[in-house]
Amino acid sequence: MMKRKWLSLMLTVAALMAILPVSVASAQKVPAHSYSTSAQITKSIAGQGRLSVYVDAYSMAPPEYGPVLWYQYEVRNSAGQIIYSNGISQSPSGSLNNLPYDTYTVNVWTNQWTGIAGVYLNFY
């Protein structure tokens, strides 16, 4: 009789230990604001001339790490060719001159501690 109770207890503990890592791994910290915190953001614009790109980023790092802004972005034309790419955490803005009429797509990537408040595209 005692063996059955111990076996039942051990199986219950094993089941809890199997479920606990899954529930912890699926938990996600959601910021208290409405900004986007995706790992990738994509925006498109159609036009010609001078394309201005501005990425408004902010840090969500714990205070002990200080401000962390890590992102990069690239601009592609409708054929999928990369026509501009910035390095990691370089200037948040860029411009491309004398572009022919086309639809351009900007892809922005961040790490887990960098949020994007907005990606602004304009033709001038």
PDB file of N, CA and C in Angstrom:
ATOM      1  N   MET A   1       0.813  -1.181   0.000  1.00  0.00           N
ATOM      2  CA  MET A   1       0.000   0.000   0.000  1.00  0.00           C
ATOM      3  C   MET A   1       0.872   1.266   0.000  1.00  0.00           C
ATOM      4  N   MET A   2       1.917   1.248   0.802  1.00  0.00           N
ATOM      5  CA  MET A   2       2.807   2.398   0.897  1.00  0.00           C
ATOM      6  C   MET A   2       3.528   2.632  -0.428  1.00  0.00           C
ATOM      7  N   LYS A   3       3.837   1.558  -1.135  1.00  0.00           N
ATOM      8  CA  LYS A   3       4.513   1.685  -2.428  1.00  0.00           C
ATOM      9  C   LYS A   3       3.632   2.420  -3.425  1.00  0.00           C
ATOM     10  N   ARG A   4       2.343   2.168  -3.410  1.00  0.00           N
ATOM     11  CA  ARG A   4       1.419   2.831  -4.328  1.00  0.00           C
ATOM     12  C   ARG A   4       1.357   4.325  -4.045  1.00  0.00           C
ATOM     13  N   LYS A   5       1.325   4.718  -2.774  1.00  0.00           N
ATOM     14  CA  LYS A   5       1.283   6.134  -2.423  1.00  0.00           C
ATOM     15  C   LYS A   5       2.559   6.839  -2.865  1.00  0.00           C
ATOM     16  N   TRP A   6       3.708   6.176  -2.609  1.00  0.00           N
ATOM     17  CA  TRP A   6       4.977   6.783  -3.033  1.00  0.00           C
ATOM     18  C   TRP A   6       5.060   6.875  -4.550  1.00  0.00           C
ATOM     19  N   LEU A   7       4.611   5.836  -5.236  1.00  0.00           N
ATOM     20  CA  LEU A   7       4.624   5.845  -6.694  1.00  0.00           C
ATOM     21  C   LEU A   7       3.713   6.941  -7.229  1.00  0.00           C
ATOM     22  N   SER A   8       2.546   7.079  -6.635  1.00  0.00           N
ATOM     23  CA  SER A   8       1.620   8.129  -7.046  1.00  0.00           C
ATOM     24  C   SER A   8       2.219   9.505  -6.786  1.00  0.00           C
ATOM     25  N   LEU A   9       2.838   9.697  -5.641  1.00  0.00           N
ATOM     26  CA  LEU A   9       3.472  10.970  -5.306  1.00  0.00           C
ATOM     27  C   LEU A   9       4.625  11.272  -6.262  1.00  0.00           C
ATOM     28  N   MET A  10       5.434  10.290  -6.558  1.00  0.00           N
ATOM     29  CA  MET A  10       6.581  10.489  -7.469  1.00  0.00           C
ATOM     30  C   MET A  10       6.107  10.828  -8.875  1.00  0.00           C
ATOM     31  N   LEU A  11       5.051  10.179  -9.340  1.00  0.00           N
ATOM     32  CA  LEU A  11       4.524  10.482 -10.667  1.00  0.00           C
ATOM     33  C   LEU A  11       3.928  11.888 -10.721  1.00  0.00           C
ATOM     34  N   THR A  12       3.276  12.312  -9.657  1.00  0.00           N
ATOM     35  CA  THR A  12       2.730  13.670  -9.597  1.00  0.00           C
ATOM     36  C   THR A  12       3.841  14.707  -9.632  1.00  0.00           C
ATOM     37  N   VAL A  13       4.892  14.478  -8.851  1.00  0.00           N
ATOM     38  CA  VAL A  13       6.034  15.402  -8.836  1.00  0.00           C
ATOM     39  C   VAL A  13       6.708  15.428 -10.208  1.00  0.00           C
ATOM     40  N   ALA A  14       6.861  14.288 -10.841  1.00  0.00           N
ATOM     41  CA  ALA A  14       7.478  14.232 -12.174  1.00  0.00           C
ATOM     42  C   ALA A  14       6.629  14.987 -13.194  1.00  0.00           C
ATOM     43  N   ALA A  15       5.299  14.851 -13.099  1.00  0.00           N
ATOM     44  CA  ALA A  15       4.421  15.569 -14.023  1.00  0.00           C
ATOM     45  C   ALA A  15       4.530  17.071 -13.808  1.00  0.00           C
ATOM     46  N   LEU A  16       4.577  17.513 -12.559  1.00  0.00           N
ATOM     47  CA  LEU A  16       4.738  18.945 -12.272  1.00  0.00           C
ATOM     48  C   LEU A  16       6.079  19.470 -12.778  1.00  0.00           C
ATOM     49  N   MET A  17       7.121  18.697 -12.620  1.00  0.00           N
ATOM     50  CA  MET A  17       8.443  19.124 -13.095  1.00  0.00           C
ATOM     51  C   MET A  17       8.481  19.196 -14.619  1.00  0.00           C
ATOM     52  N   ALA A  18       7.703  18.360 -15.282  1.00  0.00           N
ATOM     53  CA  ALA A  18       7.656  18.401 -16.739  1.00  0.00           C
ATOM     54  C   ALA A  18       6.864  19.603 -17.236  1.00  0.00           C
ATOM     55  N   ILE A  19       5.822  19.987 -16.517  1.00  0.00           N
ATOM     56  CA  ILE A  19       4.968  21.100 -16.938  1.00  0.00           C
ATOM     57  C   ILE A  19       5.585  22.449 -16.591  1.00  0.00           C
ATOM     58  N   LEU A  20       6.296  22.552 -15.477  1.00  0.00           N
ATOM     59  CA  LEU A  20       6.836  23.823 -15.008  1.00  0.00           C
ATOM     60  C   LEU A  20       7.755  24.508 -16.027  1.00  0.00           C
ATOM     61  N   PRO A  21       8.729  23.841 -16.647  1.00  0.00           N
ATOM     62  CA  PRO A  21       9.572  24.553 -17.628  1.00  0.00           C
ATOM     63  C   PRO A  21       8.785  25.070 -18.827  1.00  0.00           C
ATOM     64  N   VAL A  22       7.755  24.370 -19.246  1.00  0.00           N
ATOM     65  CA  VAL A  22       6.946  24.820 -20.380  1.00  0.00           C
ATOM     66  C   VAL A  22       6.190  26.090 -20.022  1.00  0.00           C
ATOM     67  N   SER A  23       5.631  26.136 -18.822  1.00  0.00           N
ATOM     68  CA  SER A  23       4.878  27.323 -18.432  1.00  0.00           C
ATOM     69  C   SER A  23       5.794  28.521 -18.219  1.00  0.00           C
ATOM     70  N   VAL A  24       6.999  28.317 -17.735  1.00  0.00           N
ATOM     71  CA  VAL A  24       7.948  29.418 -17.548  1.00  0.00           C
ATOM     72  C   VAL A  24       8.459  29.904 -18.895  1.00  0.00           C
ATOM     73  N   ALA A  25       8.741  28.990 -19.808  1.00  0.00           N
ATOM     74  CA  ALA A  25       9.264  29.376 -21.120  1.00  0.00           C
ATOM     75  C   ALA A  25       8.237  30.143 -21.936  1.00  0.00           C
ATOM     76  N   SER A  26       6.968  29.873 -21.731  1.00  0.00           N
ATOM     77  CA  SER A  26       5.957  30.554 -22.523  1.00  0.00           C
ATOM     78  C   SER A  26       5.548  31.898 -21.925  1.00  0.00           C
ATOM     79  N   ALA A  27       6.003  32.208 -20.723  1.00  0.00           N
ATOM     80  CA  ALA A  27       5.685  33.504 -20.126  1.00  0.00           C
ATOM     81  C   ALA A  27       6.434  34.591 -20.872  1.00  0.00           C
ATOM     82  N   GLN A  28       5.792  35.713 -21.116  1.00  0.00           N
ATOM     83  CA  GLN A  28       6.396  36.808 -21.873  1.00  0.00           C
ATOM     84  C   GLN A  28       6.175  38.111 -21.127  1.00  0.00           C
ATOM     85  N   LYS A  29       7.249  38.875 -20.982  1.00  0.00           N
ATOM     86  CA  LYS A  29       7.132  40.163 -20.324  1.00  0.00           C
ATOM     87  C   LYS A  29       6.554  41.156 -21.323  1.00  0.00           C
ATOM     88  N   VAL A  30       5.438  41.754 -20.976  1.00  0.00           N
ATOM     89  CA  VAL A  30       4.789  42.715 -21.846  1.00  0.00           C
ATOM     90  C   VAL A  30       4.943  44.093 -21.223  1.00  0.00           C
ATOM     91  N   PRO A  31       5.509  45.068 -21.974  1.00  0.00           N
ATOM     92  CA  PRO A  31       5.681  46.393 -21.394  1.00  0.00           C
ATOM     93  C   PRO A  31       4.341  47.058 -21.109  1.00  0.00           C
ATOM     94  N   ALA A  32       4.371  48.039 -20.200  1.00  0.00           N
ATOM     95  CA  ALA A  32       3.146  48.711 -19.790  1.00  0.00           C
ATOM     96  C   ALA A  32       2.703  49.782 -20.775  1.00  0.00           C
ATOM     97  N   HIS A  33       3.441  49.979 -21.846  1.00  0.00           N
ATOM     98  CA  HIS A  33       3.085  50.984 -22.839  1.00  0.00           C
ATOM     99  C   HIS A  33       2.644  50.306 -24.126  1.00  0.00           C
ATOM    100  N   SER A  34       2.199  51.080 -25.082  1.00  0.00           N
ATOM    101  CA  SER A  34       1.631  50.507 -26.302  1.00  0.00           C
ATOM    102  C   SER A  34       2.632  50.450 -27.451  1.00  0.00           C
ATOM    103  N   TYR A  35       3.905  50.713 -27.174  1.00  0.00           N
ATOM    104  CA  TYR A  35       4.904  50.678 -28.242  1.00  0.00           C
ATOM    105  C   TYR A  35       5.114  49.260 -28.739  1.00  0.00           C
ATOM    106  N   SER A  36       5.575  49.157 -29.955  1.00  0.00           N
ATOM    107  CA  SER A  36       5.850  47.857 -30.543  1.00  0.00           C
ATOM    108  C   SER A  36       7.190  47.336 -30.038  1.00  0.00           C
ATOM    109  N   THR A  37       7.247  46.073 -29.660  1.00  0.00           N
ATOM    110  CA  THR A  37       8.495  45.469 -29.218  1.00  0.00           C
ATOM    111  C   THR A  37       8.820  44.237 -30.046  1.00  0.00           C
ATOM    112  N   SER A  38       8.391  44.200 -31.282  1.00  0.00           N
ATOM    113  CA  SER A  38       8.645  43.063 -32.143  1.00  0.00           C
ATOM    114  C   SER A  38      10.117  42.949 -32.453  1.00  0.00           C
ATOM    115  N   ALA A  39      10.532  41.754 -32.816  1.00  0.00           N
ATOM    116  CA  ALA A  39      11.906  41.542 -33.241  1.00  0.00           C
ATOM    117  C   ALA A  39      12.114  42.080 -34.653  1.00  0.00           C
ATOM    118  N   GLN A  40      11.059  42.159 -35.445  1.00  0.00           N
ATOM    119  CA  GLN A  40      11.173  42.731 -36.783  1.00  0.00           C
ATOM    120  C   GLN A  40       9.932  43.565 -37.089  1.00  0.00           C
ATOM    121  N   ILE A  41      10.169  44.747 -37.641  1.00  0.00           N
ATOM    122  CA  ILE A  41       9.086  45.624 -38.074  1.00  0.00           C
ATOM    123  C   ILE A  41       9.313  45.929 -39.547  1.00  0.00           C
ATOM    124  N   THR A  42       8.246  45.893 -40.335  1.00  0.00           N
ATOM    125  CA  THR A  42       8.346  46.156 -41.768  1.00  0.00           C
ATOM    126  C   THR A  42       7.349  47.247 -42.144  1.00  0.00           C
ATOM    127  N   LYS A  43       7.829  48.232 -42.907  1.00  0.00           N
ATOM    128  CA  LYS A  43       6.961  49.290 -43.440  1.00  0.00           C
ATOM    129  C   LYS A  43       7.306  49.490 -44.906  1.00  0.00           C
ATOM    130  N   SER A  44       6.314  49.895 -45.690  1.00  0.00           N
ATOM    131  CA  SER A  44       6.521  50.127 -47.120  1.00  0.00           C
ATOM    132  C   SER A  44       6.051  51.520 -47.501  1.00  0.00           C
ATOM    133  N   ILE A  45       6.646  52.041 -48.575  1.00  0.00           N
ATOM    134  CA  ILE A  45       6.260  53.342 -49.108  1.00  0.00           C
ATOM    135  C   ILE A  45       6.513  53.330 -50.613  1.00  0.00           C
ATOM    136  N   ALA A  46       5.641  53.973 -51.361  1.00  0.00           N
ATOM    137  CA  ALA A  46       5.814  54.093 -52.806  1.00  0.00           C
ATOM    138  C   ALA A  46       6.122  55.551 -53.124  1.00  0.00           C
ATOM    139  N   GLY A  47       7.036  55.761 -54.043  1.00  0.00           N
ATOM    140  CA  GLY A  47       7.363  57.126 -54.438  1.00  0.00           C
ATOM    141  C   GLY A  47       8.672  57.185 -55.184  1.00  0.00           C
ATOM    142  N   GLN A  48       9.161  58.411 -55.371  1.00  0.00           N
ATOM    143  CA  GLN A  48      10.418  58.624 -56.078  1.00  0.00           C
ATOM    144  C   GLN A  48      11.114  59.854 -55.492  1.00  0.00           C
ATOM    145  N   GLY A  49      12.400  59.988 -55.791  1.00  0.00           N
ATOM    146  CA  GLY A  49      13.159  61.134 -55.312  1.00  0.00           C
ATOM    147  C   GLY A  49      14.013  60.763 -54.123  1.00  0.00           C
ATOM    148  N   ARG A  50      13.964  61.589 -53.082  1.00  0.00           N
ATOM    149  CA  ARG A  50      14.771  61.378 -51.881  1.00  0.00           C
ATOM    150  C   ARG A  50      13.924  60.697 -50.810  1.00  0.00           C
ATOM    151  N   LEU A  51      14.343  59.501 -50.390  1.00  0.00           N
ATOM    152  CA  LEU A  51      13.654  58.752 -49.347  1.00  0.00           C
ATOM    153  C   LEU A  51      14.363  59.000 -48.028  1.00  0.00           C
ATOM    154  N   SER A  52      13.612  59.464 -47.039  1.00  0.00           N
ATOM    155  CA  SER A  52      14.134  59.687 -45.694  1.00  0.00           C
ATOM    156  C   SER A  52      13.591  58.598 -44.780  1.00  0.00           C
ATOM    157  N   VAL A  53      14.489  57.990 -43.996  1.00  0.00           N
ATOM    158  CA  VAL A  53      14.121  56.924 -43.064  1.00  0.00           C
ATOM    159  C   VAL A  53      14.535  57.354 -41.668  1.00  0.00           C
ATOM    160  N   TYR A  54      13.625  57.227 -40.685  1.00  0.00           N
ATOM    161  CA  TYR A  54      13.957  57.523 -39.300  1.00  0.00           C
ATOM    162  C   TYR A  54      13.375  56.433 -38.414  1.00  0.00           C
ATOM    163  N   VAL A  55      14.212  55.856 -37.548  1.00  0.00           N
ATOM    164  CA  VAL A  55      13.791  54.822 -36.610  1.00  0.00           C
ATOM    165  C   VAL A  55      13.825  55.419 -35.211  1.00  0.00           C
ATOM    166  N   ASP A  56      12.666  55.465 -34.554  1.00  0.00           N
ATOM    167  CA  ASP A  56      12.550  55.988 -33.194  1.00  0.00           C
ATOM    168  C   ASP A  56      12.611  54.807 -32.232  1.00  0.00           C
ATOM    169  N   ALA A  57      13.782  54.588 -31.616  1.00  0.00           N
ATOM    170  CA  ALA A  57      14.002  53.436 -30.742  1.00  0.00           C
ATOM    171  C   ALA A  57      14.150  53.882 -29.297  1.00  0.00           C
ATOM    172  N   TYR A  58      13.884  52.977 -28.378  1.00  0.00           N
ATOM    173  CA  TYR A  58      14.038  53.245 -26.951  1.00  0.00           C
ATOM    174  C   TYR A  58      14.524  51.976 -26.259  1.00  0.00           C
ATOM    175  N   SER A  59      15.168  52.143 -25.111  1.00  0.00           N
ATOM    176  CA  SER A  59      15.727  51.023 -24.364  1.00  0.00           C
ATOM    177  C   SER A  59      14.721  50.471 -23.365  1.00  0.00           C
ATOM    178  N   MET A  60      14.656  49.148 -23.289  1.00  0.00           N
ATOM    179  CA  MET A  60      13.828  48.462 -22.291  1.00  0.00           C
ATOM    180  C   MET A  60      14.711  47.608 -21.380  1.00  0.00           C
ATOM    181  N   ALA A  61      16.027  47.888 -21.358  1.00  0.00           N
ATOM    182  CA  ALA A  61      16.967  47.079 -20.592  1.00  0.00           C
ATOM    183  C   ALA A  61      16.784  47.304 -19.096  1.00  0.00           C
ATOM    184  N   PRO A  62      17.115  46.297 -18.305  1.00  0.00           N
ATOM    185  CA  PRO A  62      17.088  46.481 -16.855  1.00  0.00           C
ATOM    186  C   PRO A  62      18.065  47.592 -16.457  1.00  0.00           C
ATOM    187  N   PRO A  63      17.789  48.302 -15.376  1.00  0.00           N
ATOM    188  CA  PRO A  63      18.627  49.437 -14.981  1.00  0.00           C
ATOM    189  C   PRO A  63      20.108  49.084 -14.813  1.00  0.00           C
ATOM    190  N   GLU A  64      20.406  47.867 -14.387  1.00  0.00           N
ATOM    191  CA  GLU A  64      21.810  47.505 -14.171  1.00  0.00           C
ATOM    192  C   GLU A  64      22.613  47.432 -15.472  1.00  0.00           C
ATOM    193  N   TYR A  65      21.939  47.333 -16.623  1.00  0.00           N
ATOM    194  CA  TYR A  65      22.632  47.299 -17.904  1.00  0.00           C
ATOM    195  C   TYR A  65      22.746  48.677 -18.541  1.00  0.00           C
ATOM    196  N   GLY A  66      22.036  49.639 -18.024  1.00  0.00           N
ATOM    197  CA  GLY A  66      22.038  50.960 -18.641  1.00  0.00           C
ATOM    198  C   GLY A  66      21.208  50.935 -19.916  1.00  0.00           C
ATOM    199  N   PRO A  67      21.203  52.034 -20.667  1.00  0.00           N
ATOM    200  CA  PRO A  67      20.409  52.047 -21.906  1.00  0.00           C
ATOM    201  C   PRO A  67      21.037  51.158 -22.978  1.00  0.00           C
ATOM    202  N   VAL A  68      20.221  50.307 -23.570  1.00  0.00           N
ATOM    203  CA  VAL A  68      20.676  49.407 -24.630  1.00  0.00           C
ATOM    204  C   VAL A  68      19.836  49.689 -25.867  1.00  0.00           C
ATOM    205  N   LEU A  69      20.465  50.193 -26.906  1.00  0.00           N
ATOM    206  CA  LEU A  69      19.784  50.390 -28.187  1.00  0.00           C
ATOM    207  C   LEU A  69      20.522  49.567 -29.235  1.00  0.00           C
ATOM    208  N   TRP A  70      19.909  48.472 -29.642  1.00  0.00           N
ATOM    209  CA  TRP A  70      20.490  47.612 -30.655  1.00  0.00           C
ATOM    210  C   TRP A  70      19.439  47.391 -31.718  1.00  0.00           C
ATOM    211  N   TYR A  71      19.695  47.907 -32.887  1.00  0.00           N
ATOM    212  CA  TYR A  71      18.798  47.668 -34.007  1.00  0.00           C
ATOM    213  C   TYR A  71      19.582  47.889 -35.296  1.00  0.00           C
ATOM    214  N   GLN A  72      19.049  47.365 -36.347  1.00  0.00           N
ATOM    215  CA  GLN A  72      19.588  47.636 -37.681  1.00  0.00           C
ATOM    216  C   GLN A  72      18.430  47.629 -38.653  1.00  0.00           C
ATOM    217  N   TYR A  73      18.622  48.293 -39.775  1.00  0.00           N
ATOM    218  CA  TYR A  73      17.550  48.302 -40.762  1.00  0.00           C
ATOM    219  C   TYR A  73      18.127  48.278 -42.164  1.00  0.00           C
ATOM    220  N   GLU A  74      17.274  47.859 -43.079  1.00  0.00           N
ATOM    221  CA  GLU A  74      17.654  47.822 -44.490  1.00  0.00           C
ATOM    222  C   GLU A  74      16.469  48.290 -45.323  1.00  0.00           C
ATOM    223  N   VAL A  75      16.776  48.821 -46.498  1.00  0.00           N
ATOM    224  CA  VAL A  75      15.759  49.269 -47.445  1.00  0.00           C
ATOM    225  C   VAL A  75      15.872  48.393 -48.680  1.00  0.00           C
ATOM    226  N   ARG A  76      14.752  47.844 -49.120  1.00  0.00           N
ATOM    227  CA  ARG A  76      14.721  47.005 -50.324  1.00  0.00           C
ATOM    228  C   ARG A  76      13.773  47.616 -51.336  1.00  0.00           C
ATOM    229  N   ASN A  77      14.081  47.413 -52.618  1.00  0.00           N
ATOM    230  CA  ASN A  77      13.155  47.848 -53.671  1.00  0.00           C
ATOM    231  C   ASN A  77      12.161  46.725 -53.946  1.00  0.00           C
ATOM    232  N   SER A  78      11.255  46.949 -54.901  1.00  0.00           N
ATOM    233  CA  SER A  78      10.210  45.949 -55.165  1.00  0.00           C
ATOM    234  C   SER A  78      10.765  44.650 -55.730  1.00  0.00           C
ATOM    235  N   ALA A  79      11.983  44.688 -56.268  1.00  0.00           N
ATOM    236  CA  ALA A  79      12.619  43.466 -56.780  1.00  0.00           C
ATOM    237  C   ALA A  79      13.291  42.677 -55.654  1.00  0.00           C
ATOM    238  N   GLY A  80      13.305  43.235 -54.431  1.00  0.00           N
ATOM    239  CA  GLY A  80      13.910  42.547 -53.301  1.00  0.00           C
ATOM    240  C   GLY A  80      15.378  42.845 -53.101  1.00  0.00           C
ATOM    241  N   GLN A  81      15.948  43.734 -53.905  1.00  0.00           N
ATOM    242  CA  GLN A  81      17.364  44.077 -53.773  1.00  0.00           C
ATOM    243  C   GLN A  81      17.558  45.045 -52.609  1.00  0.00           C
ATOM    244  N   ILE A  82      18.595  44.814 -51.817  1.00  0.00           N
ATOM    245  CA  ILE A  82      18.923  45.728 -50.726  1.00  0.00           C
ATOM    246  C   ILE A  82      19.611  46.948 -51.333  1.00  0.00           C
ATOM    247  N   ILE A  83      19.017  48.124 -51.131  1.00  0.00           N
ATOM    248  CA  ILE A  83      19.617  49.341 -51.683  1.00  0.00           C
ATOM    249  C   ILE A  83      20.238  50.207 -50.593  1.00  0.00           C
ATOM    250  N   TYR A  84      19.956  49.892 -49.323  1.00  0.00           N
ATOM    251  CA  TYR A  84      20.588  50.597 -48.213  1.00  0.00           C
ATOM    252  C   TYR A  84      20.511  49.708 -46.980  1.00  0.00           C
ATOM    253  N   SER A  85      21.584  49.684 -46.202  1.00  0.00           N
ATOM    254  CA  SER A  85      21.597  48.925 -44.961  1.00  0.00           C
ATOM    255  C   SER A  85      22.469  49.661 -43.963  1.00  0.00           C
ATOM    256  N   ASN A  86      21.966  49.868 -42.755  1.00  0.00           N
ATOM    257  CA  ASN A  86      22.796  50.493 -41.732  1.00  0.00           C
ATOM    258  C   ASN A  86      23.364  49.419 -40.834  1.00  0.00           C
ATOM    259  N   GLY A  87      24.432  49.756 -40.136  1.00  0.00           N
ATOM    260  CA  GLY A  87      25.023  48.817 -39.198  1.00  0.00           C
ATOM    261  C   GLY A  87      24.250  48.823 -37.894  1.00  0.00           C
ATOM    262  N   ILE A  88      24.688  48.017 -36.990  1.00  0.00           N
ATOM    263  CA  ILE A  88      24.034  47.900 -35.705  1.00  0.00           C
ATOM    264  C   ILE A  88      24.223  49.188 -34.923  1.00  0.00           C
ATOM    265  N   SER A  89      23.123  49.763 -34.500  1.00  0.00           N
ATOM    266  CA  SER A  89      23.087  50.951 -33.649  1.00  0.00           C
ATOM    267  C   SER A  89      23.823  52.150 -34.224  1.00  0.00           C
ATOM    268  N   GLN A  90      23.861  52.256 -35.531  1.00  0.00           N
ATOM    269  CA  GLN A  90      24.391  53.471 -36.129  1.00  0.00           C
ATOM    270  C   GLN A  90      23.306  54.524 -36.083  1.00  0.00           C
ATOM    271  N   SER A  91      23.424  55.534 -36.903  1.00  0.00           N
ATOM    272  CA  SER A  91      22.465  56.637 -36.898  1.00  0.00           C
ATOM    273  C   SER A  91      21.036  56.123 -37.092  1.00  0.00           C
ATOM    274  N   PRO A  92      20.071  56.704 -36.365  1.00  0.00           N
ATOM    275  CA  PRO A  92      18.680  56.270 -36.513  1.00  0.00           C
ATOM    276  C   PRO A  92      18.037  56.772 -37.798  1.00  0.00           C
ATOM    277  N   SER A  93      18.732  57.639 -38.531  1.00  0.00           N
ATOM    278  CA  SER A  93      18.137  58.168 -39.757  1.00  0.00           C
ATOM    279  C   SER A  93      19.073  57.935 -40.937  1.00  0.00           C
ATOM    280  N   GLY A  94      18.477  57.921 -42.082  1.00  0.00           N
ATOM    281  CA  GLY A  94      19.236  57.770 -43.315  1.00  0.00           C
ATOM    282  C   GLY A  94      18.421  58.303 -44.467  1.00  0.00           C
ATOM    283  N   SER A  95      19.081  58.633 -45.561  1.00  0.00           N
ATOM    284  CA  SER A  95      18.347  59.083 -46.736  1.00  0.00           C
ATOM    285  C   SER A  95      19.020  58.554 -47.983  1.00  0.00           C
ATOM    286  N   LEU A  96      18.200  58.321 -48.980  1.00  0.00           N
ATOM    287  CA  LEU A  96      18.667  57.853 -50.283  1.00  0.00           C
ATOM    288  C   LEU A  96      18.166  58.848 -51.317  1.00  0.00           C
ATOM    289  N   ASN A  97      19.068  59.306 -52.156  1.00  0.00           N
ATOM    290  CA  ASN A  97      18.721  60.325 -53.145  1.00  0.00           C
ATOM    291  C   ASN A  97      18.477  59.726 -54.519  1.00  0.00           C
ATOM    292  N   ASN A  98      17.698  60.427 -55.317  1.00  0.00           N
ATOM    293  CA  ASN A  98      17.466  60.111 -56.735  1.00  0.00           C
ATOM    294  C   ASN A  98      16.935  58.698 -56.966  1.00  0.00           C
ATOM    295  N   LEU A  99      15.989  58.290 -56.172  1.00  0.00           N
ATOM    296  CA  LEU A  99      15.401  56.963 -56.369  1.00  0.00           C
ATOM    297  C   LEU A  99      14.322  57.030 -57.439  1.00  0.00           C
ATOM    298  N   PRO A 100      14.266  56.017 -58.321  1.00  0.00           N
ATOM    299  CA  PRO A 100      13.182  55.975 -59.305  1.00  0.00           C
ATOM    300  C   PRO A 100      11.873  55.584 -58.622  1.00  0.00           C
ATOM    301  N   TYR A 101      10.752  55.831 -59.296  1.00  0.00           N
ATOM    302  CA  TYR A 101       9.464  55.466 -58.707  1.00  0.00           C
ATOM    303  C   TYR A 101       9.423  53.961 -58.491  1.00  0.00           C
ATOM    304  N   ASP A 102       9.090  53.557 -57.276  1.00  0.00           N
ATOM    305  CA  ASP A 102       9.017  52.146 -56.923  1.00  0.00           C
ATOM    306  C   ASP A 102       8.368  52.048 -55.549  1.00  0.00           C
ATOM    307  N   THR A 103       8.108  50.834 -55.123  1.00  0.00           N
ATOM    308  CA  THR A 103       7.666  50.590 -53.756  1.00  0.00           C
ATOM    309  C   THR A 103       8.865  50.087 -52.979  1.00  0.00           C
ATOM    310  N   TYR A 104       9.195  50.777 -51.882  1.00  0.00           N
ATOM    311  CA  TYR A 104      10.357  50.449 -51.073  1.00  0.00           C
ATOM    312  C   TYR A 104       9.894  49.923 -49.720  1.00  0.00           C
ATOM    313  N   THR A 105      10.588  48.894 -49.243  1.00  0.00           N
ATOM    314  CA  THR A 105      10.257  48.261 -47.975  1.00  0.00           C
ATOM    315  C   THR A 105      11.427  48.425 -47.019  1.00  0.00           C
ATOM    316  N   VAL A 106      11.119  48.845 -45.795  1.00  0.00           N
ATOM    317  CA  VAL A 106      12.131  48.989 -44.751  1.00  0.00           C
ATOM    318  C   VAL A 106      11.879  47.913 -43.699  1.00  0.00           C
ATOM    319  N   ASN A 107      12.906  47.122 -43.423  1.00  0.00           N
ATOM    320  CA  ASN A 107      12.853  46.093 -42.386  1.00  0.00           C
ATOM    321  C   ASN A 107      13.757  46.531 -41.244  1.00  0.00           C
ATOM    322  N   VAL A 108      13.231  46.513 -40.019  1.00  0.00           N
ATOM    323  CA  VAL A 108      13.997  46.890 -38.831  1.00  0.00           C
ATOM    324  C   VAL A 108      14.045  45.691 -37.893  1.00  0.00           C
ATOM    325  N   TRP A 109      15.244  45.342 -37.413  1.00  0.00           N
ATOM    326  CA  TRP A 109      15.425  44.259 -36.454  1.00  0.00           C
ATOM    327  C   TRP A 109      15.951  44.830 -35.153  1.00  0.00           C
ATOM    328  N   THR A 110      15.487  44.287 -34.028  1.00  0.00           N
ATOM    329  CA  THR A 110      15.940  44.723 -32.708  1.00  0.00           C
ATOM    330  C   THR A 110      16.317  43.511 -31.870  1.00  0.00           C
ATOM    331  N   ASN A 111      16.949  43.790 -30.721  1.00  0.00           N
ATOM    332  CA  ASN A 111      17.143  42.722 -29.746  1.00  0.00           C
ATOM    333  C   ASN A 111      16.010  42.792 -28.727  1.00  0.00           C
ATOM    334  N   GLN A 112      16.068  41.958 -27.693  1.00  0.00           N
ATOM    335  CA  GLN A 112      14.963  41.899 -26.726  1.00  0.00           C
ATOM    336  C   GLN A 112      14.883  43.122 -25.839  1.00  0.00           C
ATOM    337  N   TRP A 113      15.917  43.962 -25.792  1.00  0.00           N
ATOM    338  CA  TRP A 113      15.912  45.124 -24.908  1.00  0.00           C
ATOM    339  C   TRP A 113      15.742  46.438 -25.652  1.00  0.00           C
ATOM    340  N   THR A 114      15.439  46.379 -26.927  1.00  0.00           N
ATOM    341  CA  THR A 114      15.231  47.598 -27.705  1.00  0.00           C
ATOM    342  C   THR A 114      13.821  47.572 -28.275  1.00  0.00           C
ATOM    343  N   GLY A 115      13.082  48.626 -28.022  1.00  0.00           N
ATOM    344  CA  GLY A 115      11.738  48.746 -28.565  1.00  0.00           C
ATOM    345  C   GLY A 115      11.716  49.806 -29.650  1.00  0.00           C
ATOM    346  N   ILE A 116      10.762  49.711 -30.538  1.00  0.00           N
ATOM    347  CA  ILE A 116      10.616  50.671 -31.627  1.00  0.00           C
ATOM    348  C   ILE A 116       9.297  51.417 -31.435  1.00  0.00           C
ATOM    349  N   ALA A 117       9.385  52.740 -31.228  1.00  0.00           N
ATOM    350  CA  ALA A 117       8.187  53.558 -31.078  1.00  0.00           C
ATOM    351  C   ALA A 117       7.598  53.875 -32.445  1.00  0.00           C
ATOM    352  N   GLY A 118       8.430  53.927 -33.484  1.00  0.00           N
ATOM    353  CA  GLY A 118       7.928  54.213 -34.812  1.00  0.00           C
ATOM    354  C   GLY A 118       9.029  54.144 -35.861  1.00  0.00           C
ATOM    355  N   VAL A 119       8.619  53.866 -37.075  1.00  0.00           N
ATOM    356  CA  VAL A 119       9.499  53.902 -38.244  1.00  0.00           C
ATOM    357  C   VAL A 119       8.841  54.881 -39.199  1.00  0.00           C
ATOM    358  N   TYR A 120       9.550  55.959 -39.519  1.00  0.00           N
ATOM    359  CA  TYR A 120       8.971  57.042 -40.324  1.00  0.00           C
ATOM    360  C   TYR A 120       9.660  57.101 -41.682  1.00  0.00           C
ATOM    361  N   LEU A 121       8.855  57.060 -42.730  1.00  0.00           N
ATOM    362  CA  LEU A 121       9.356  57.102 -44.110  1.00  0.00           C
ATOM    363  C   LEU A 121       8.700  58.261 -44.836  1.00  0.00           C
ATOM    364  N   ASN A 122       9.499  59.017 -45.580  1.00  0.00           N
ATOM    365  CA  ASN A 122       8.972  60.144 -46.362  1.00  0.00           C
ATOM    366  C   ASN A 122       9.773  60.297 -47.650  1.00  0.00           C
ATOM    367  N   PHE A 123       9.075  60.672 -48.695  1.00  0.00           N
ATOM    368  CA  PHE A 123       9.746  61.078 -49.926  1.00  0.00           C
ATOM    369  C   PHE A 123       9.714  62.591 -50.006  1.00  0.00           C
ATOM    370  N   TYR A 124      10.845  63.173 -50.413  1.00  0.00           N
ATOM    371  CA  TYR A 124      10.934  64.629 -50.610  1.00  0.00           C
ATOM    372  C   TYR A 124      11.343  64.925 -52.030  1.00  0.00           C
TER     373      TYR A 124
END
